[in-house]
C-alpha atoms as a PDB file:
ATOM      1  CA  MET A   1      -8.735 -22.715  53.553  1.00  0.00           C
ATOM      2  CA  GLU A   2      -5.853 -24.661  51.979  1.00  0.00           C
ATOM      3  CA  SER A   3      -8.189 -26.401  49.547  1.00  0.00           C
ATOM      4  CA  ASN A   4      -9.645 -23.058  48.438  1.00  0.00           C
ATOM      5  CA  GLU A   5      -6.159 -21.607  47.860  1.00  0.00           C
ATOM      6  CA  ALA A   6      -5.150 -24.659  45.854  1.00  0.00           C
ATOM      7  CA  SER A   7      -8.260 -24.335  43.732  1.00  0.00           C
ATOM      8  CA  ALA A   8      -7.464 -20.701  43.018  1.00  0.00           C
ATOM      9  CA  GLU A   9      -3.934 -21.659  41.936  1.00  0.00           C
ATOM     10  CA  GLN A  10      -5.234 -24.362  39.599  1.00  0.00           C
ATOM     11  CA  GLN A  11      -7.620 -21.914  37.941  1.00  0.00           C
ATOM     12  CA  PRO A  12      -5.688 -18.622  37.815  1.00  0.00           C
ATOM     13  CA  TYR A  13      -8.031 -16.985  35.307  1.00  0.00           C
ATOM     14  CA  TYR A  14     -11.688 -16.184  35.615  1.00  0.00           C
ATOM     15  CA  ALA A  15     -12.695 -17.345  32.146  1.00  0.00           C
ATOM     16  CA  PRO A  16     -15.391 -19.532  30.560  1.00  0.00           C
ATOM     17  CA  PRO A  17     -14.288 -23.207  30.456  1.00  0.00           C
ATOM     18  CA  TRP A  18     -14.197 -23.317  26.648  1.00  0.00           C
ATOM     19  CA  ILE A  19     -11.720 -20.445  26.598  1.00  0.00           C
ATOM     20  CA  ALA A  20      -9.598 -21.920  29.367  1.00  0.00           C
ATOM     21  CA  ARG A  21      -9.330 -25.196  27.430  1.00  0.00           C
ATOM     22  CA  LEU A  22      -8.081 -23.580  24.214  1.00  0.00           C
ATOM     23  CA  PRO A  23      -4.503 -24.658  23.383  1.00  0.00           C
ATOM     24  CA  TRP A  24      -1.906 -21.929  23.614  1.00  0.00           C
ATOM     25  CA  PRO A  25      -1.215 -21.849  19.822  1.00  0.00           C
ATOM     26  CA  VAL A  26      -4.872 -20.957  19.253  1.00  0.00           C
ATOM     27  CA  ARG A  27      -4.753 -18.205  21.838  1.00  0.00           C
ATOM     28  CA  ALA A  28      -1.455 -16.950  20.391  1.00  0.00           C
ATOM     29  CA  ALA A  29      -2.958 -16.906  16.890  1.00  0.00           C
ATOM     30  CA  CYS A  30      -5.933 -14.913  18.180  1.00  0.00           C
ATOM     31  CA  PHE A  31      -3.548 -12.378  19.717  1.00  0.00           C
ATOM     32  CA  VAL A  32      -1.506 -12.047  16.494  1.00  0.00           C
ATOM     33  CA  VAL A  33      -4.620 -11.587  14.343  1.00  0.00           C
ATOM     34  CA  LEU A  34      -6.001  -9.115  16.867  1.00  0.00           C
ATOM     35  CA  MET A  35      -2.853  -7.014  16.600  1.00  0.00           C
ATOM     36  CA  LEU A  36      -2.465  -7.236  12.814  1.00  0.00           C
ATOM     37  CA  THR A  37      -6.053  -6.455  11.864  1.00  0.00           C
ATOM     38  CA  PRO A  38      -6.055  -2.789  12.960  1.00  0.00           C
ATOM     39  CA  LEU A  39      -2.710  -2.370  11.175  1.00  0.00           C
ATOM     40  CA  LEU A  40      -4.204  -3.717   7.943  1.00  0.00           C
ATOM     41  CA  ALA A  41      -7.220  -1.448   8.381  1.00  0.00           C
ATOM     42  CA  VAL A  42      -4.907   1.565   8.676  1.00  0.00           C
ATOM     43  CA  LEU A  43      -2.971   0.461   5.572  1.00  0.00           C
ATOM     44  CA  VAL A  44      -6.240   0.369   3.627  1.00  0.00           C
ATOM     45  CA  LEU A  45      -6.873   3.936   4.780  1.00  0.00           C
ATOM     46  CA  PHE A  46      -3.429   5.095   3.611  1.00  0.00           C
ATOM     47  CA  ASN A  47      -4.021   3.394   0.247  1.00  0.00           C
ATOM     48  CA  ARG A  48      -7.255   5.249  -0.227  1.00  0.00           C
ATOM     49  CA  GLY A  49      -8.247   5.605  -3.869  1.00  0.00           C
ATOM     50  CA  LYS A  50      -5.728   3.016  -5.095  1.00  0.00           C
ATOM     51  CA  TRP A  51      -8.270   0.231  -5.587  1.00  0.00           C
ATOM     52  CA  LEU A  52     -11.805   0.136  -6.964  1.00  0.00           C
ATOM     53  CA  PRO A  53     -13.828  -3.042  -6.319  1.00  0.00           C
ATOM     54  CA  THR A  54     -16.351  -4.287  -8.851  1.00  0.00           C
ATOM     55  CA  GLN A  55     -20.010  -4.724  -7.963  1.00  0.00           C
ATOM     56  CA  ALA A  56     -19.590  -8.464  -8.588  1.00  0.00           C
ATOM     57  CA  TRP A  57     -16.899  -8.648  -5.893  1.00  0.00           C
ATOM     58  CA  LEU A  58     -18.816  -6.474  -3.442  1.00  0.00           C
ATOM     59  CA  GLU A  59     -21.830  -8.765  -3.761  1.00  0.00           C
ATOM     60  CA  ALA A  60     -19.737 -11.945  -3.520  1.00  0.00           C
ATOM     61  CA  SER A  61     -17.699 -10.748  -0.522  1.00  0.00           C
ATOM     62  CA  GLY A  62     -20.474  -9.126   1.510  1.00  0.00           C
ATOM     63  CA  THR A  63     -21.154 -12.144   3.713  1.00  0.00           C
ATOM     64  CA  VAL A  64     -17.461 -12.991   4.058  1.00  0.00           C
ATOM     65  CA  ALA A  65     -16.651  -9.437   5.129  1.00  0.00           C
ATOM     66  CA  MET A  66     -19.346  -9.548   7.801  1.00  0.00           C
ATOM     67  CA  LEU A  67     -18.134 -12.939   9.070  1.00  0.00           C
ATOM     68  CA  ALA A  68     -14.553 -11.624   9.187  1.00  0.00           C
ATOM     69  CA  SER A  69     -15.681  -8.749  11.396  1.00  0.00           C
ATOM     70  CA  LEU A  70     -17.549 -11.114  13.715  1.00  0.00           C
ATOM     71  CA  ALA A  71     -14.563 -13.505  13.833  1.00  0.00           C
ATOM     72  CA  TRP A  72     -12.272 -10.649  14.827  1.00  0.00           C
ATOM     73  CA  ALA A  73     -14.666  -9.707  17.624  1.00  0.00           C
ATOM     74  CA  ALA A  74     -14.697 -13.338  18.833  1.00  0.00           C
ATOM     75  CA  MET A  75     -10.894 -13.513  18.862  1.00  0.00           C
ATOM     76  CA  MET A  76     -10.784 -10.234  20.735  1.00  0.00           C
ATOM     77  CA  LEU A  77     -13.090 -11.770  23.349  1.00  0.00           C
ATOM     78  CA  VAL A  78     -10.663 -14.674  23.790  1.00  0.00           C
ATOM     79  CA  VAL A  79      -7.686 -12.361  24.245  1.00  0.00           C
ATOM     80  CA  VAL A  80      -9.498  -9.932  26.556  1.00  0.00           C
ATOM     81  CA  VAL A  81     -10.861 -12.631  28.853  1.00  0.00           C
ATOM     82  CA  MET A  82      -7.614 -14.592  28.988  1.00  0.00           C
ATOM     83  CA  ALA A  83      -5.740 -11.380  29.842  1.00  0.00           C
ATOM     84  CA  THR A  84      -7.896 -10.898  32.931  1.00  0.00           C
ATOM     85  CA  PRO A  85      -5.668 -10.883  36.064  1.00  0.00           C
ATOM     86  CA  PRO A  86      -5.611 -13.909  38.398  1.00  0.00           C
ATOM     87  CA  VAL A  87      -8.635 -14.628  40.562  1.00  0.00           C
ATOM     88  CA  GLN A  88      -6.803 -13.906  43.797  1.00  0.00           C
ATOM     89  CA  HIS A  89      -6.329 -10.275  42.730  1.00  0.00           C
ATOM     90  CA  TRP A  90      -9.983  -9.634  43.623  1.00  0.00           C
ATOM     91  CA  LYS A  91     -11.613  -9.825  46.992  1.00  0.00           C
ATOM     92  CA  ASP A  92     -14.981 -11.161  45.885  1.00  0.00           C
ATOM     93  CA  GLN A  93     -16.997 -12.467  42.962  1.00  0.00           C
ATOM     94  CA  SER A  94     -18.704  -9.132  42.259  1.00  0.00           C
ATOM     95  CA  ALA A  95     -15.347  -7.412  41.725  1.00  0.00           C
ATOM     96  CA  ARG A  96     -14.319 -10.066  39.215  1.00  0.00           C
ATOM     97  CA  ASP A  97     -17.663  -9.826  37.407  1.00  0.00           C
ATOM     98  CA  ALA A  98     -17.369  -6.044  37.227  1.00  0.00           C
ATOM     99  CA  ALA A  99     -13.873  -6.280  35.732  1.00  0.00           C
ATOM    100  CA  ILE A 100     -14.967  -8.801  33.107  1.00  0.00           C
ATOM    101  CA  THR A 101     -18.049  -6.739  32.220  1.00  0.00           C
ATOM    102  CA  LYS A 102     -15.952  -3.601  31.779  1.00  0.00           C
ATOM    103  CA  LYS A 103     -13.550  -5.373  29.450  1.00  0.00           C
ATOM    104  CA  VAL A 104     -16.331  -6.940  27.402  1.00  0.00           C
ATOM    105  CA  LEU A 105     -17.954  -3.522  26.979  1.00  0.00           C
ATOM    106  CA  TRP A 106     -14.639  -2.135  25.749  1.00  0.00           C
ATOM    107  CA  MET A 107     -14.411  -5.092  23.378  1.00  0.00           C
ATOM    108  CA  VAL A 108     -17.845  -4.307  21.938  1.00  0.00           C
ATOM    109  CA  LEU A 109     -16.894  -0.638  21.533  1.00  0.00           C
ATOM    110  CA  LEU A 110     -13.646  -1.504  19.744  1.00  0.00           C
ATOM    111  CA  GLY A 111     -15.488  -4.022  17.604  1.00  0.00           C
ATOM    112  CA  LEU A 112     -17.895  -1.328  16.440  1.00  0.00           C
ATOM    113  CA  MET A 113     -15.048   1.108  15.817  1.00  0.00           C
ATOM    114  CA  PHE A 114     -13.075  -1.314  13.660  1.00  0.00           C
ATOM    115  CA  HIS A 115     -16.067  -2.923  11.931  1.00  0.00           C
ATOM    116  CA  PRO A 116     -15.870  -0.694   8.796  1.00  0.00           C
ATOM    117  CA  GLY A 117     -12.110  -1.134   8.618  1.00  0.00           C
ATOM    118  CA  ILE A 118     -12.297  -4.918   8.816  1.00  0.00           C
ATOM    119  CA  MET A 119     -15.030  -4.973   6.189  1.00  0.00           C
ATOM    120  CA  ASN A 120     -12.772  -2.928   3.901  1.00  0.00           C
ATOM    121  CA  ILE A 121      -9.843  -5.291   4.447  1.00  0.00           C
ATOM    122  CA  VAL A 122     -11.950  -7.952   2.736  1.00  0.00           C
ATOM    123  CA  ARG A 123     -13.596  -5.691   0.163  1.00  0.00           C
ATOM    124  CA  LEU A 124     -10.501  -3.666  -0.781  1.00  0.00           C
ATOM    125  CA  GLY A 125      -7.363  -5.172   0.744  1.00  0.00           C
ATOM    126  CA  VAL A 126      -7.777  -8.821  -0.243  1.00  0.00           C
ATOM    127  CA  PRO A 127      -8.439  -8.242  -3.975  1.00  0.00           C
ATOM    128  CA  ALA A 128      -5.717  -5.581  -4.138  1.00  0.00           C
ATOM    129  CA  ILE A 129      -3.144  -7.992  -2.690  1.00  0.00           C
ATOM    130  CA  HIS A 130      -4.295 -10.708  -5.102  1.00  0.00           C
ATOM    131  CA  ALA A 131      -3.925  -8.331  -8.051  1.00  0.00           C
ATOM    132  CA  ALA A 132      -0.433  -7.312  -6.964  1.00  0.00           C
ATOM    133  CA  PHE A 133       0.772 -10.897  -7.461  1.00  0.00           C
ATOM    134  CA  HIS A 134      -1.653 -12.351 -10.010  1.00  0.00           C
ATOM    135  CA  GLY A 135      -3.256  -9.340 -11.664  1.00  0.00           C
ATOM    136  CA  GLU A 136      -3.482  -8.446 -15.342  1.00  0.00           C
ATOM    137  CA  GLN A 137      -4.599  -5.434 -17.339  1.00  0.00           C
ATOM    138  CA  VAL A 138      -8.363  -5.057 -17.029  1.00  0.00           C
ATOM    139  CA  ALA A 139     -11.049  -2.447 -17.656  1.00  0.00           C
ATOM    140  CA  HIS A 140     -14.149  -2.053 -15.492  1.00  0.00           C
ATOM    141  CA  LYS A 141     -17.126   0.262 -15.753  1.00  0.00           C
ATOM    142  CA  PHE A 142     -18.233   2.518 -12.910  1.00  0.00           C
ATOM    143  CA  VAL A 143     -20.948   5.149 -12.538  1.00  0.00           C
ATOM    144  CA  VAL A 144     -20.047   8.659 -11.392  1.00  0.00           C
ATOM    145  CA  ASN A 145     -21.774   9.840  -8.245  1.00  0.00           C
ATOM    146  CA  ASP A 146     -20.076  13.202  -7.624  1.00  0.00           C
ATOM    147  CA  PRO A 147     -17.405  14.447 -10.047  1.00  0.00           C
ATOM    148  CA  ASP A 148     -16.318  17.182  -7.649  1.00  0.00           C
ATOM    149  CA  TYR A 149     -16.115  15.197  -4.405  1.00  0.00           C
ATOM    150  CA  GLY A 150     -13.427  17.501  -3.068  1.00  0.00           C
ATOM    151  CA  HIS A 151     -10.240  16.889  -1.137  1.00  0.00           C
ATOM    152  CA  THR A 152      -9.390  14.673   1.814  1.00  0.00           C
ATOM    153  CA  LYS A 153      -6.097  14.083   3.568  1.00  0.00           C
ATOM    154  CA  PHE A 154      -5.413  10.923   1.589  1.00  0.00           C
ATOM    155  CA  CYS A 155      -7.326  11.669  -1.630  1.00  0.00           C
ATOM    156  CA  LYS A 156      -6.925  14.888  -3.611  1.00  0.00           C
ATOM    157  CA  ASP A 157      -9.199  15.932  -6.498  1.00  0.00           C
ATOM    158  CA  ALA A 158     -11.542  13.040  -5.771  1.00  0.00           C
ATOM    159  CA  VAL A 159     -14.401  11.682  -7.848  1.00  0.00           C
ATOM    160  CA  SER A 160     -16.886   9.525  -5.936  1.00  0.00           C
ATOM    161  CA  LEU A 161     -18.526   6.563  -7.630  1.00  0.00           C
ATOM    162  CA  GLN A 162     -21.914   4.976  -7.043  1.00  0.00           C
ATOM    163  CA  ASP A 163     -22.276   2.011  -4.683  1.00  0.00           C
ATOM    164  CA  MET A 164     -18.646   2.107  -3.566  1.00  0.00           C
ATOM    165  CA  PRO A 165     -17.580   1.414   0.037  1.00  0.00           C
ATOM    166  CA  SER A 166     -15.670   4.003   2.037  1.00  0.00           C
ATOM    167  CA  PHE A 167     -12.099   4.704   0.875  1.00  0.00           C
ATOM    168  CA  ALA A 168     -12.953   3.565  -2.686  1.00  0.00           C
ATOM    169  CA  GLU A 169     -12.955   6.613  -4.914  1.00  0.00           C
ATOM    170  CA  LEU A 170     -10.925   8.010  -7.787  1.00  0.00           C
ATOM    171  CA  CYS A 171      -8.153  10.323  -6.619  1.00  0.00           C
ATOM    172  CA  ARG A 172      -6.032  12.928  -8.363  1.00  0.00           C
ATOM    173  CA  VAL A 173      -8.354  13.312 -11.337  1.00  0.00           C
ATOM    174  CA  PRO A 174      -7.217  16.401 -13.325  1.00  0.00           C
ATOM    175  CA  ASP A 175      -9.555  19.391 -13.179  1.00  0.00           C
ATOM    176  CA  GLY A 176      -9.943  19.472 -16.939  1.00  0.00           C
ATOM    177  CA  TYR A 177     -11.166  15.890 -16.976  1.00  0.00           C
ATOM    178  CA  ARG A 178     -13.428  16.224 -13.934  1.00  0.00           C
ATOM    179  CA  GLU A 179     -15.227  19.101 -15.638  1.00  0.00           C
ATOM    180  CA  LYS A 180     -16.382  16.677 -18.332  1.00  0.00           C
ATOM    181  CA  LEU A 181     -17.935  14.279 -15.828  1.00  0.00           C
ATOM    182  CA  ARG A 182     -21.566  14.391 -14.714  1.00  0.00           C
ATOM    183  CA  PRO A 183     -23.477  12.431 -12.053  1.00  0.00           C
ATOM    184  CA  GLY A 184     -24.834   9.203 -13.552  1.00  0.00           C
ATOM    185  CA  MET A 185     -22.216   9.131 -16.307  1.00  0.00           C
ATOM    186  CA  THR A 186     -20.469   5.785 -16.931  1.00  0.00           C
ATOM    187  CA  ILE A 187     -16.692   5.751 -17.046  1.00  0.00           C
ATOM    188  CA  ILE A 188     -14.218   2.980 -17.829  1.00  0.00           C
ATOM    189  CA  VAL A 189     -11.258   2.571 -15.480  1.00  0.00           C
ATOM    190  CA  GLU A 190      -8.229   0.649 -16.732  1.00  0.00           C
ATOM    191  CA  GLY A 191      -5.320  -0.754 -14.764  1.00  0.00           C
ATOM    192  CA  LYS A 192      -3.898  -3.850 -13.150  1.00  0.00           C
ATOM    193  CA  GLY A 193      -6.529  -6.005 -11.473  1.00  0.00           C
ATOM    194  CA  SER A 194      -8.925  -8.901 -11.862  1.00  0.00           C
ATOM    195  CA  TRP A 195     -12.662  -9.539 -11.922  1.00  0.00           C
ATOM    196  CA  MET A 196     -12.651  -8.302  -8.313  1.00  0.00           C
ATOM    197  CA  GLY A 197     -11.542  -4.780  -9.165  1.00  0.00           C
ATOM    198  CA  VAL A 198      -8.852  -2.544 -10.598  1.00  0.00           C
ATOM    199  CA  ALA A 199      -5.985  -0.331  -9.481  1.00  0.00           C
ATOM    200  CA  PRO A 200      -6.765   2.871 -11.458  1.00  0.00           C
ATOM    201  CA  GLU A 201      -4.185   3.895 -14.045  1.00  0.00           C
ATOM    202  CA  GLN A 202      -6.292   5.412 -16.825  1.00  0.00           C
ATOM    203  CA  LEU A 203      -9.927   6.375 -17.197  1.00  0.00           C
ATOM    204  CA  ARG A 204     -12.149   7.349 -20.080  1.00  0.00           C
ATOM    205  CA  ILE A 205     -15.803   8.166 -20.574  1.00  0.00           C
ATOM    206  CA  ASP A 206     -17.886   5.254 -21.849  1.00  0.00           C
ATOM    207  CA  ASP A 207     -19.178   6.247 -25.264  1.00  0.00           C
ATOM    208  CA  GLY A 208     -21.173   3.050 -25.643  1.00  0.00           C
ATOM    209  CA  GLY A 209     -18.831   1.652 -28.242  1.00  0.00           C
END
């Protein structure tokens, strides 16, 4: 009995060996990233319509955005499993397995919930932050999808554009200007940005000149 109790004290967490062997700075970093990522996703939501990514950036960042979402899910697994209470808190193996399974299922659910937000951190947040420090005046072309997209809580008088991710639309476009727009029409958006996109300041219809 004493040897079993000692073993339980030496291995207080029911976790895969590779997780148990991770140094504490790595686990701490996973926890910090896990906490910050939803906050960044919410900030992207509140900044809806303030950044339009180019097709070149969307194509270049597609794989990176997917890997970022998977990496966040992996770090969440580390934090969730390491946060599992000590072994001695359960009476038998089945109880421990059930607790781990429940937490992993929650992890998968949260991963699916935050997947679009994490993708948008890469597609919208990263280039917007880059432009804030290293941007210049640029002009990019976009194709109108719906000139009368309507109103949302964070985007009034919206115009949706073709092939844009969620939260990337033109906001506060005056009624008189929106009436001139038609689906399929090309517009030029000017503002501070880079090849990755632009923070809309002015827009004009592309006359082909």
